Amino acid sequence: MAARKTKIETNQSHSKPGESAARVFAVNERINQLLLEHLDPAAWRAKPPGNVRDIAAIFTHMHNVRVKWIRLTAPHLKIPAQLNRAQCTPQQAGAALAESAARCVEMLAEALGGDGRVTTFRRDGWGRPWPAGIEMLCYMLAHEGHHRGQVCMLLHQLGFPLSNELTSGMWNWEKLWKEFGWPGPGG
């Protein structure tokens, strides 16, 4: 049996890797903000089943890990202050995440933009640095997506399920890109 070749349509007007990475991370952050905007305040500190972080601790962890990435990878950028998970409010978390996302966007633009300022990505002090590249963006997105998934699951388990409108909106990247005034991927 002969193998079928699949034709893949491509758009020749691709943006530069640094610009694309920065835009993708900005949309990623918009999804975090959507979750925070639609979060029932009672869910923020609700005790989850088992020995796991509550939602406040998850969002503060996401921000604090970003701060570490910036400090270790791009110390020349303004390093945001870390959050205290025991005292942080949803509004403080939203503002801090917006700030750390802005620095991550700058870091990614420099790392994948080829200007030579960010040449390695350090995930942690214990890990070997990686060359700056698309793997850096993938790692950052995987970390964020993992924790967003935890938040969504905990909200459901705690009796605060997300609306279908919100969960669908988290996957509507075309709409999210338009919120920024961008034509969308490949456009």
N, C-alpha and C. Protein backbone atom coordinates (compact mmCIF):
# COMPACT_ATOMS: atom_id res chain seq x y z
N MET A 1 0.84 -1.17 0.00
CA MET A 1 0.00 0.00 0.00
C MET A 1 0.89 1.25 0.00
N ALA A 2 0.66 2.15 -0.89
CA ALA A 2 1.47 3.37 -1.01
C ALA A 2 1.06 4.38 0.06
N ALA A 3 2.06 5.04 0.61
CA ALA A 3 1.78 6.07 1.61
C ALA A 3 1.24 7.31 0.92
N ARG A 4 0.19 7.89 1.52
CA ARG A 4 -0.38 9.12 0.99
C ARG A 4 0.38 10.32 1.51
N LYS A 5 0.69 11.23 0.64
CA LYS A 5 1.34 12.46 1.07
C LYS A 5 0.26 13.48 1.39
N THR A 6 0.43 14.14 2.51
CA THR A 6 -0.52 15.16 2.92
C THR A 6 0.03 16.52 2.55
N LYS A 7 -0.79 17.29 1.85
CA LYS A 7 -0.39 18.64 1.50
C LYS A 7 -0.74 19.56 2.67
N ILE A 8 0.23 20.30 3.12
CA ILE A 8 0.02 21.24 4.22
C ILE A 8 0.05 22.64 3.64
N GLU A 9 -1.05 23.35 3.84
CA GLU A 9 -1.12 24.74 3.38
C GLU A 9 -0.25 25.60 4.28
N THR A 10 0.52 26.46 3.71
CA THR A 10 1.35 27.38 4.48
C THR A 10 1.10 28.80 4.04
N ASN A 11 1.22 29.69 4.96
CA ASN A 11 1.11 31.11 4.68
C ASN A 11 2.53 31.66 4.70
N GLN A 12 2.93 32.26 3.65
CA GLN A 12 4.31 32.73 3.53
C GLN A 12 4.59 34.02 4.29
N SER A 13 3.57 34.62 4.92
CA SER A 13 3.78 35.89 5.63
C SER A 13 3.95 35.65 7.13
N HIS A 14 4.87 34.77 7.50
CA HIS A 14 5.11 34.48 8.91
C HIS A 14 5.82 35.65 9.58
N SER A 15 5.47 35.87 10.85
CA SER A 15 6.19 36.89 11.60
C SER A 15 7.51 36.30 12.10
N LYS A 16 8.35 37.14 12.62
CA LYS A 16 9.64 36.69 13.13
C LYS A 16 9.42 35.86 14.39
N PRO A 17 10.30 34.89 14.67
CA PRO A 17 10.11 34.02 15.84
C PRO A 17 9.97 34.76 17.16
N GLY A 18 10.76 35.82 17.37
CA GLY A 18 10.66 36.58 18.61
C GLY A 18 9.31 37.25 18.76
N GLU A 19 8.80 37.81 17.66
CA GLU A 19 7.48 38.45 17.69
C GLU A 19 6.39 37.42 17.92
N SER A 20 6.49 36.28 17.25
CA SER A 20 5.50 35.23 17.42
C SER A 20 5.48 34.70 18.85
N ALA A 21 6.65 34.44 19.40
CA ALA A 21 6.74 33.93 20.77
C ALA A 21 6.14 34.93 21.76
N ALA A 22 6.44 36.20 21.56
CA ALA A 22 5.91 37.23 22.44
C ALA A 22 4.39 37.29 22.36
N ARG A 23 3.86 37.20 21.16
CA ARG A 23 2.40 37.23 20.99
C ARG A 23 1.73 36.00 21.61
N VAL A 24 2.32 34.85 21.40
CA VAL A 24 1.75 33.62 21.97
C VAL A 24 1.72 33.71 23.49
N PHE A 25 2.80 34.19 24.09
CA PHE A 25 2.81 34.29 25.55
C PHE A 25 1.82 35.35 26.03
N ALA A 26 1.65 36.41 25.28
CA ALA A 26 0.66 37.43 25.66
C ALA A 26 -0.76 36.85 25.64
N VAL A 27 -1.06 36.03 24.65
CA VAL A 27 -2.38 35.39 24.60
C VAL A 27 -2.51 34.40 25.76
N ASN A 28 -1.46 33.67 26.05
CA ASN A 28 -1.44 32.78 27.21
C ASN A 28 -1.81 33.55 28.47
N GLU A 29 -1.22 34.72 28.63
CA GLU A 29 -1.52 35.53 29.82
C GLU A 29 -2.96 36.02 29.81
N ARG A 30 -3.49 36.33 28.64
CA ARG A 30 -4.89 36.77 28.58
C ARG A 30 -5.81 35.67 29.10
N ILE A 31 -5.47 34.42 28.84
CA ILE A 31 -6.27 33.30 29.35
C ILE A 31 -6.19 33.25 30.87
N ASN A 32 -5.01 33.48 31.43
CA ASN A 32 -4.89 33.54 32.89
C ASN A 32 -5.79 34.64 33.46
N GLN A 33 -5.76 35.79 32.82
CA GLN A 33 -6.57 36.91 33.29
C GLN A 33 -8.07 36.62 33.17
N LEU A 34 -8.46 35.94 32.10
CA LEU A 34 -9.88 35.55 31.96
C LEU A 34 -10.31 34.68 33.13
N LEU A 35 -9.47 33.71 33.49
CA LEU A 35 -9.80 32.86 34.64
C LEU A 35 -9.95 33.69 35.90
N LEU A 36 -9.03 34.59 36.14
CA LEU A 36 -9.10 35.42 37.34
C LEU A 36 -10.33 36.33 37.32
N GLU A 37 -10.65 36.88 36.16
CA GLU A 37 -11.81 37.78 36.05
C GLU A 37 -13.13 37.07 36.34
N HIS A 38 -13.20 35.78 36.04
CA HIS A 38 -14.44 35.03 36.21
C HIS A 38 -14.43 34.13 37.45
N LEU A 39 -13.43 34.29 38.28
CA LEU A 39 -13.28 33.47 39.46
C LEU A 39 -14.22 33.93 40.57
N ASP A 40 -14.99 33.01 41.11
CA ASP A 40 -15.83 33.33 42.27
C ASP A 40 -14.89 33.64 43.43
N PRO A 41 -15.03 34.79 44.09
CA PRO A 41 -14.12 35.14 45.19
C PRO A 41 -14.04 34.07 46.29
N ALA A 42 -15.13 33.34 46.50
CA ALA A 42 -15.13 32.30 47.53
C ALA A 42 -14.21 31.13 47.16
N ALA A 43 -13.90 30.98 45.89
CA ALA A 43 -13.05 29.87 45.44
C ALA A 43 -11.57 30.15 45.69
N TRP A 44 -11.19 31.41 45.84
CA TRP A 44 -9.78 31.80 45.94
C TRP A 44 -9.05 31.07 47.06
N ARG A 45 -9.65 30.99 48.22
CA ARG A 45 -9.01 30.34 49.37
C ARG A 45 -9.72 29.07 49.81
N ALA A 46 -10.66 28.58 49.01
CA ALA A 46 -11.39 27.36 49.37
C ALA A 46 -10.40 26.20 49.52
N LYS A 47 -10.62 25.37 50.52
CA LYS A 47 -9.73 24.23 50.81
C LYS A 47 -10.02 23.10 49.83
N PRO A 48 -9.05 22.77 48.97
CA PRO A 48 -9.28 21.69 48.01
C PRO A 48 -9.16 20.33 48.69
N PRO A 49 -9.75 19.31 48.05
CA PRO A 49 -9.62 17.96 48.61
C PRO A 49 -8.18 17.47 48.50
N GLY A 50 -7.73 16.74 49.50
CA GLY A 50 -6.38 16.21 49.48
C GLY A 50 -5.37 17.24 49.94
N ASN A 51 -4.13 16.88 49.82
CA ASN A 51 -3.03 17.73 50.26
C ASN A 51 -2.45 18.45 49.03
N VAL A 52 -3.21 19.40 48.49
CA VAL A 52 -2.79 20.13 47.29
C VAL A 52 -2.91 21.64 47.53
N ARG A 53 -2.27 22.40 46.68
CA ARG A 53 -2.32 23.87 46.76
C ARG A 53 -3.75 24.35 46.52
N ASP A 54 -4.11 25.44 47.18
CA ASP A 54 -5.38 26.08 46.84
C ASP A 54 -5.15 26.97 45.62
N ILE A 55 -6.22 27.56 45.12
CA ILE A 55 -6.15 28.35 43.89
C ILE A 55 -5.25 29.57 44.06
N ALA A 56 -5.31 30.21 45.24
CA ALA A 56 -4.43 31.35 45.50
C ALA A 56 -2.97 30.93 45.39
N ALA A 57 -2.62 29.78 45.95
CA ALA A 57 -1.23 29.31 45.91
C ALA A 57 -0.80 28.97 44.48
N ILE A 58 -1.72 28.46 43.68
CA ILE A 58 -1.37 28.11 42.29
C ILE A 58 -1.05 29.37 41.49
N PHE A 59 -1.91 30.37 41.58
CA PHE A 59 -1.66 31.60 40.81
C PHE A 59 -0.40 32.32 41.30
N THR A 60 -0.18 32.36 42.62
CA THR A 60 1.04 33.01 43.11
C THR A 60 2.28 32.22 42.69
N HIS A 61 2.19 30.90 42.68
CA HIS A 61 3.30 30.06 42.20
C HIS A 61 3.62 30.39 40.74
N MET A 62 2.59 30.50 39.90
CA MET A 62 2.83 30.80 38.48
C MET A 62 3.62 32.11 38.35
N HIS A 63 3.20 33.13 39.08
CA HIS A 63 3.90 34.41 39.02
C HIS A 63 5.33 34.28 39.55
N ASN A 64 5.48 33.63 40.71
CA ASN A 64 6.80 33.53 41.32
C ASN A 64 7.78 32.73 40.47
N VAL A 65 7.30 31.72 39.76
CA VAL A 65 8.17 30.98 38.85
C VAL A 65 8.59 31.87 37.68
N ARG A 66 7.68 32.66 37.16
CA ARG A 66 8.05 33.61 36.10
C ARG A 66 9.15 34.55 36.59
N VAL A 67 8.99 35.04 37.82
CA VAL A 67 10.00 35.94 38.38
C VAL A 67 11.37 35.25 38.39
N LYS A 68 11.38 33.98 38.76
CA LYS A 68 12.64 33.22 38.77
C LYS A 68 13.21 33.10 37.36
N TRP A 69 12.35 32.79 36.38
CA TRP A 69 12.83 32.68 35.00
C TRP A 69 13.47 33.99 34.55
N ILE A 70 12.82 35.09 34.86
CA ILE A 70 13.33 36.40 34.45
C ILE A 70 14.64 36.71 35.15
N ARG A 71 14.69 36.48 36.47
CA ARG A 71 15.90 36.76 37.25
C ARG A 71 17.09 35.95 36.76
N LEU A 72 16.86 34.67 36.43
CA LEU A 72 17.95 33.81 36.01
C LEU A 72 18.32 33.95 34.53
N THR A 73 17.34 34.30 33.70
CA THR A 73 17.54 34.32 32.26
C THR A 73 17.79 35.72 31.70
N ALA A 74 17.10 36.70 32.24
CA ALA A 74 17.20 38.07 31.72
C ALA A 74 17.28 39.07 32.87
N PRO A 75 18.35 39.01 33.66
CA PRO A 75 18.43 39.88 34.85
C PRO A 75 18.50 41.37 34.52
N HIS A 76 18.75 41.70 33.27
CA HIS A 76 18.79 43.11 32.87
C HIS A 76 17.38 43.71 32.80
N LEU A 77 16.35 42.87 32.76
CA LEU A 77 14.97 43.37 32.76
C LEU A 77 14.54 43.70 34.18
N LYS A 78 13.53 44.55 34.30
CA LYS A 78 13.00 44.88 35.64
C LYS A 78 12.38 43.61 36.22
N ILE A 79 12.86 43.19 37.37
CA ILE A 79 12.40 41.95 37.98
C ILE A 79 11.22 42.27 38.89
N PRO A 80 10.05 41.69 38.60
CA PRO A 80 8.87 41.95 39.44
C PRO A 80 9.06 41.39 40.85
N ALA A 81 8.33 41.95 41.78
CA ALA A 81 8.34 41.46 43.16
C ALA A 81 7.57 40.14 43.23
N GLN A 82 8.02 39.26 44.11
CA GLN A 82 7.31 37.99 44.31
C GLN A 82 6.06 38.24 45.14
N LEU A 83 5.15 37.28 45.07
CA LEU A 83 3.90 37.33 45.83
C LEU A 83 3.97 36.41 47.03
N ASN A 84 3.27 36.77 48.08
CA ASN A 84 3.11 35.92 49.26
C ASN A 84 1.76 35.23 49.12
N ARG A 85 1.78 33.91 48.96
CA ARG A 85 0.54 33.20 48.69
C ARG A 85 -0.44 33.25 49.85
N ALA A 86 0.02 33.47 51.06
CA ALA A 86 -0.88 33.51 52.22
C ALA A 86 -1.64 34.83 52.31
N GLN A 87 -1.12 35.87 51.68
CA GLN A 87 -1.74 37.19 51.81
C GLN A 87 -2.27 37.77 50.50
N CYS A 88 -1.97 37.14 49.40
CA CYS A 88 -2.30 37.67 48.07
C CYS A 88 -3.80 37.61 47.79
N THR A 89 -4.32 38.67 47.20
CA THR A 89 -5.72 38.71 46.75
C THR A 89 -5.77 38.38 45.26
N PRO A 90 -6.95 38.05 44.75
CA PRO A 90 -7.05 37.82 43.30
C PRO A 90 -6.63 39.05 42.48
N GLN A 91 -6.97 40.23 42.98
CA GLN A 91 -6.60 41.46 42.26
C GLN A 91 -5.10 41.65 42.24
N GLN A 92 -4.43 41.38 43.36
CA GLN A 92 -2.98 41.49 43.41
C GLN A 92 -2.33 40.46 42.49
N ALA A 93 -2.88 39.25 42.49
CA ALA A 93 -2.34 38.21 41.61
C ALA A 93 -2.50 38.62 40.15
N GLY A 94 -3.65 39.16 39.79
CA GLY A 94 -3.88 39.59 38.40
C GLY A 94 -2.89 40.66 37.97
N ALA A 95 -2.67 41.64 38.84
CA ALA A 95 -1.73 42.72 38.52
C ALA A 95 -0.30 42.18 38.43
N ALA A 96 0.07 41.32 39.36
CA ALA A 96 1.43 40.76 39.34
C ALA A 96 1.64 39.88 38.12
N LEU A 97 0.66 39.05 37.80
CA LEU A 97 0.77 38.20 36.60
C LEU A 97 0.90 39.05 35.34
N ALA A 98 0.16 40.14 35.27
CA ALA A 98 0.26 41.02 34.10
C ALA A 98 1.67 41.60 33.99
N GLU A 99 2.24 41.99 35.13
CA GLU A 99 3.60 42.54 35.12
C GLU A 99 4.63 41.48 34.74
N SER A 100 4.53 40.29 35.35
CA SER A 100 5.52 39.26 35.03
C SER A 100 5.35 38.77 33.60
N ALA A 101 4.12 38.77 33.10
CA ALA A 101 3.90 38.39 31.70
C ALA A 101 4.56 39.39 30.76
N ALA A 102 4.45 40.67 31.08
CA ALA A 102 5.09 41.70 30.24
C ALA A 102 6.60 41.49 30.18
N ARG A 103 7.22 41.15 31.32
CA ARG A 103 8.66 40.89 31.32
C ARG A 103 8.97 39.60 30.56
N CYS A 104 8.13 38.58 30.69
CA CYS A 104 8.36 37.33 29.93
C CYS A 104 8.24 37.58 28.44
N VAL A 105 7.30 38.43 28.05
CA VAL A 105 7.15 38.79 26.63
C VAL A 105 8.43 39.46 26.14
N GLU A 106 8.97 40.39 26.92
CA GLU A 106 10.23 41.03 26.55
C GLU A 106 11.36 40.02 26.46
N MET A 107 11.43 39.12 27.44
CA MET A 107 12.49 38.12 27.48
C MET A 107 12.40 37.20 26.26
N LEU A 108 11.19 36.76 25.93
CA LEU A 108 11.02 35.89 24.76
C LEU A 108 11.36 36.62 23.46
N ALA A 109 10.94 37.87 23.35
CA ALA A 109 11.25 38.65 22.14
C ALA A 109 12.77 38.78 21.97
N GLU A 110 13.48 39.00 23.07
CA GLU A 110 14.94 39.10 22.99
C GLU A 110 15.57 37.73 22.71
N ALA A 111 15.06 36.69 23.37
CA ALA A 111 15.65 35.35 23.21
C ALA A 111 15.48 34.81 21.80
N LEU A 112 14.33 35.04 21.21
CA LEU A 112 14.06 34.50 19.88
C LEU A 112 14.18 35.55 18.79
N GLY A 113 14.50 36.77 19.18
CA GLY A 113 14.64 37.84 18.20
C GLY A 113 16.03 37.95 17.61
N GLY A 114 16.97 37.23 18.18
CA GLY A 114 18.30 37.20 17.61
C GLY A 114 19.19 38.38 17.93
N ASP A 115 18.83 39.20 18.93
CA ASP A 115 19.69 40.35 19.23
C ASP A 115 20.89 39.97 20.10
N GLY A 116 20.91 38.73 20.60
CA GLY A 116 22.05 38.24 21.35
C GLY A 116 22.07 38.56 22.83
N ARG A 117 21.07 39.29 23.30
CA ARG A 117 21.07 39.68 24.72
C ARG A 117 20.68 38.51 25.62
N VAL A 118 19.66 37.74 25.23
CA VAL A 118 19.25 36.55 25.98
C VAL A 118 19.67 35.34 25.15
N THR A 119 20.68 34.63 25.65
CA THR A 119 21.22 33.51 24.88
C THR A 119 20.89 32.15 25.47
N THR A 120 20.52 32.14 26.75
CA THR A 120 20.17 30.87 27.40
C THR A 120 18.90 31.05 28.23
N PHE A 121 18.24 29.94 28.48
CA PHE A 121 17.06 29.92 29.34
C PHE A 121 17.39 29.07 30.55
N ARG A 122 17.24 29.65 31.73
CA ARG A 122 17.46 28.93 32.98
C ARG A 122 16.11 28.75 33.65
N ARG A 123 15.67 27.51 33.70
CA ARG A 123 14.38 27.18 34.32
C ARG A 123 14.47 27.29 35.83
N ASP A 124 15.64 26.95 36.35
CA ASP A 124 15.84 26.91 37.79
C ASP A 124 17.34 26.98 38.06
N GLY A 125 17.70 27.25 39.28
CA GLY A 125 19.12 27.30 39.63
C GLY A 125 19.79 25.94 39.55
N TRP A 126 19.03 24.86 39.68
CA TRP A 126 19.60 23.52 39.67
C TRP A 126 19.74 22.94 38.27
N GLY A 127 19.00 23.47 37.32
CA GLY A 127 18.99 22.89 35.98
C GLY A 127 20.06 23.48 35.07
N ARG A 128 20.53 22.66 34.15
CA ARG A 128 21.46 23.19 33.15
C ARG A 128 20.73 24.18 32.26
N PRO A 129 21.38 25.26 31.89
CA PRO A 129 20.73 26.21 30.98
C PRO A 129 20.53 25.61 29.59
N TRP A 130 19.46 26.02 28.95
CA TRP A 130 19.17 25.62 27.57
C TRP A 130 19.54 26.77 26.65
N PRO A 131 19.94 26.49 25.43
CA PRO A 131 20.09 27.59 24.47
C PRO A 131 18.72 28.25 24.26
N ALA A 132 18.73 29.56 24.13
CA ALA A 132 17.47 30.27 23.89
C ALA A 132 16.88 29.77 22.57
N GLY A 133 15.65 29.36 22.60
CA GLY A 133 14.99 28.84 21.41
C GLY A 133 13.53 28.58 21.68
N ILE A 134 12.89 27.99 20.72
CA ILE A 134 11.45 27.74 20.82
C ILE A 134 11.13 26.81 21.98
N GLU A 135 12.08 25.96 22.38
CA GLU A 135 11.88 25.07 23.52
C GLU A 135 11.58 25.86 24.80
N MET A 136 12.18 27.02 24.90
CA MET A 136 11.96 27.91 26.05
C MET A 136 10.49 28.29 26.14
N LEU A 137 9.93 28.73 25.03
CA LEU A 137 8.51 29.10 24.98
C LEU A 137 7.65 27.88 25.30
N CYS A 138 7.96 26.74 24.72
CA CYS A 138 7.16 25.53 24.95
C CYS A 138 7.17 25.15 26.42
N TYR A 139 8.32 25.21 27.06
CA TYR A 139 8.41 24.89 28.49
C TYR A 139 7.54 25.85 29.31
N MET A 140 7.64 27.13 29.01
CA MET A 140 6.88 28.14 29.75
C MET A 140 5.38 27.92 29.58
N LEU A 141 4.95 27.64 28.35
CA LEU A 141 3.52 27.41 28.10
C LEU A 141 3.03 26.13 28.77
N ALA A 142 3.86 25.08 28.75
CA ALA A 142 3.47 23.82 29.39
C ALA A 142 3.28 24.03 30.89
N HIS A 143 4.17 24.80 31.51
CA HIS A 143 4.05 25.08 32.94
C HIS A 143 2.75 25.81 33.23
N GLU A 144 2.47 26.83 32.46
CA GLU A 144 1.26 27.63 32.68
C GLU A 144 -0.01 26.81 32.41
N GLY A 145 -0.01 26.05 31.30
CA GLY A 145 -1.17 25.24 30.98
C GLY A 145 -1.45 24.19 32.03
N HIS A 146 -0.40 23.58 32.57
CA HIS A 146 -0.55 22.59 33.64
C HIS A 146 -1.28 23.21 34.84
N HIS A 147 -0.84 24.38 35.25
CA HIS A 147 -1.44 25.00 36.43
C HIS A 147 -2.83 25.55 36.14
N ARG A 148 -3.08 26.03 34.94
CA ARG A 148 -4.45 26.44 34.60
C ARG A 148 -5.38 25.24 34.65
N GLY A 149 -4.90 24.10 34.18
CA GLY A 149 -5.69 22.87 34.26
C GLY A 149 -6.00 22.50 35.69
N GLN A 150 -5.02 22.66 36.58
CA GLN A 150 -5.26 22.40 38.00
C GLN A 150 -6.35 23.32 38.54
N VAL A 151 -6.28 24.60 38.19
CA VAL A 151 -7.27 25.57 38.67
C VAL A 151 -8.66 25.18 38.17
N CYS A 152 -8.77 24.86 36.89
CA CYS A 152 -10.08 24.48 36.34
C CYS A 152 -10.63 23.24 37.03
N MET A 153 -9.77 22.25 37.27
CA MET A 153 -10.20 21.03 37.94
C MET A 153 -10.64 21.33 39.38
N LEU A 154 -9.85 22.12 40.10
CA LEU A 154 -10.21 22.46 41.47
C LEU A 154 -11.51 23.24 41.55
N LEU A 155 -11.70 24.16 40.62
CA LEU A 155 -12.96 24.90 40.61
C LEU A 155 -14.15 23.96 40.48
N HIS A 156 -14.03 23.00 39.62
CA HIS A 156 -15.09 22.01 39.44
C HIS A 156 -15.28 21.19 40.72
N GLN A 157 -14.18 20.70 41.28
CA GLN A 157 -14.26 19.88 42.50
C GLN A 157 -14.82 20.64 43.69
N LEU A 158 -14.55 21.94 43.75
CA LEU A 158 -14.98 22.76 44.87
C LEU A 158 -16.40 23.31 44.70
N GLY A 159 -17.03 22.98 43.57
CA GLY A 159 -18.40 23.44 43.34
C GLY A 159 -18.50 24.81 42.70
N PHE A 160 -17.45 25.23 41.99
CA PHE A 160 -17.44 26.51 41.28
C PHE A 160 -17.12 26.27 39.80
N PRO A 161 -17.92 25.46 39.12
CA PRO A 161 -17.58 25.14 37.73
C PRO A 161 -17.59 26.39 36.84
N LEU A 162 -16.72 26.36 35.85
CA LEU A 162 -16.63 27.47 34.90
C LEU A 162 -17.74 27.35 33.87
N SER A 163 -18.18 28.48 33.38
CA SER A 163 -19.24 28.48 32.37
C SER A 163 -18.70 27.94 31.05
N ASN A 164 -19.59 27.42 30.24
CA ASN A 164 -19.21 26.96 28.91
C ASN A 164 -18.67 28.12 28.08
N GLU A 165 -19.24 29.29 28.28
CA GLU A 165 -18.77 30.47 27.55
C GLU A 165 -17.31 30.76 27.85
N LEU A 166 -16.93 30.67 29.14
CA LEU A 166 -15.54 30.93 29.51
C LEU A 166 -14.62 29.83 28.99
N THR A 167 -14.98 28.58 29.20
CA THR A 167 -14.08 27.51 28.76
C THR A 167 -13.93 27.51 27.25
N SER A 168 -15.00 27.82 26.52
CA SER A 168 -14.88 27.95 25.07
C SER A 168 -14.02 29.14 24.70
N GLY A 169 -14.18 30.23 25.43
CA GLY A 169 -13.40 31.44 25.16
C GLY A 169 -11.91 31.25 25.39
N MET A 170 -11.55 30.36 26.31
CA MET A 170 -10.14 30.10 26.58
C MET A 170 -9.48 29.40 25.39
N TRP A 171 -10.27 28.77 24.54
CA TRP A 171 -9.73 28.08 23.37
C TRP A 171 -9.92 28.86 22.08
N ASN A 172 -10.58 30.00 22.13
CA ASN A 172 -10.84 30.78 20.92
C ASN A 172 -9.69 31.77 20.70
N TRP A 173 -8.56 31.22 20.26
CA TRP A 173 -7.38 32.05 20.08
C TRP A 173 -7.56 33.10 19.01
N GLU A 174 -8.38 32.84 18.00
CA GLU A 174 -8.61 33.86 16.97
C GLU A 174 -9.22 35.11 17.61
N LYS A 175 -10.19 34.92 18.49
CA LYS A 175 -10.83 36.04 19.18
C LYS A 175 -9.83 36.73 20.12
N LEU A 176 -9.05 35.92 20.84
CA LEU A 176 -8.07 36.49 21.76
C LEU A 176 -7.02 37.32 21.01
N TRP A 177 -6.57 36.83 19.84
CA TRP A 177 -5.61 37.59 19.03
C TRP A 177 -6.23 38.92 18.61
N LYS A 178 -7.52 38.89 18.24
CA LYS A 178 -8.19 40.12 17.79
C LYS A 178 -8.30 41.14 18.92
N GLU A 179 -8.42 40.65 20.17
CA GLU A 179 -8.46 41.58 21.31
C GLU A 179 -7.20 42.44 21.36
N PHE A 180 -6.08 41.89 20.90
CA PHE A 180 -4.83 42.63 20.87
C PHE A 180 -4.67 43.45 19.60
N GLY A 181 -5.59 43.28 18.66
CA GLY A 181 -5.49 43.98 17.39
C GLY A 181 -4.58 43.30 16.39
N TRP A 182 -4.31 42.02 16.61
CA TRP A 182 -3.44 41.25 15.71
C TRP A 182 -4.30 40.48 14.72
N PRO A 183 -3.78 40.25 13.52
CA PRO A 183 -4.56 39.52 12.51
C PRO A 183 -4.73 38.05 12.82
N GLY A 184 -3.95 37.50 13.72
CA GLY A 184 -4.04 36.08 14.04
C GLY A 184 -2.82 35.34 13.57
N PRO A 185 -2.69 34.09 13.99
CA PRO A 185 -1.52 33.30 13.60
C PRO A 185 -1.37 33.23 12.10
N GLY A 186 -0.16 33.47 11.63
CA GLY A 186 0.13 33.37 10.22
C GLY A 186 -0.40 34.52 9.37
N GLY A 187 -1.10 35.47 10.00
CA GLY A 187 -1.71 36.54 9.21
C GLY A 187 -0.98 37.83 9.29
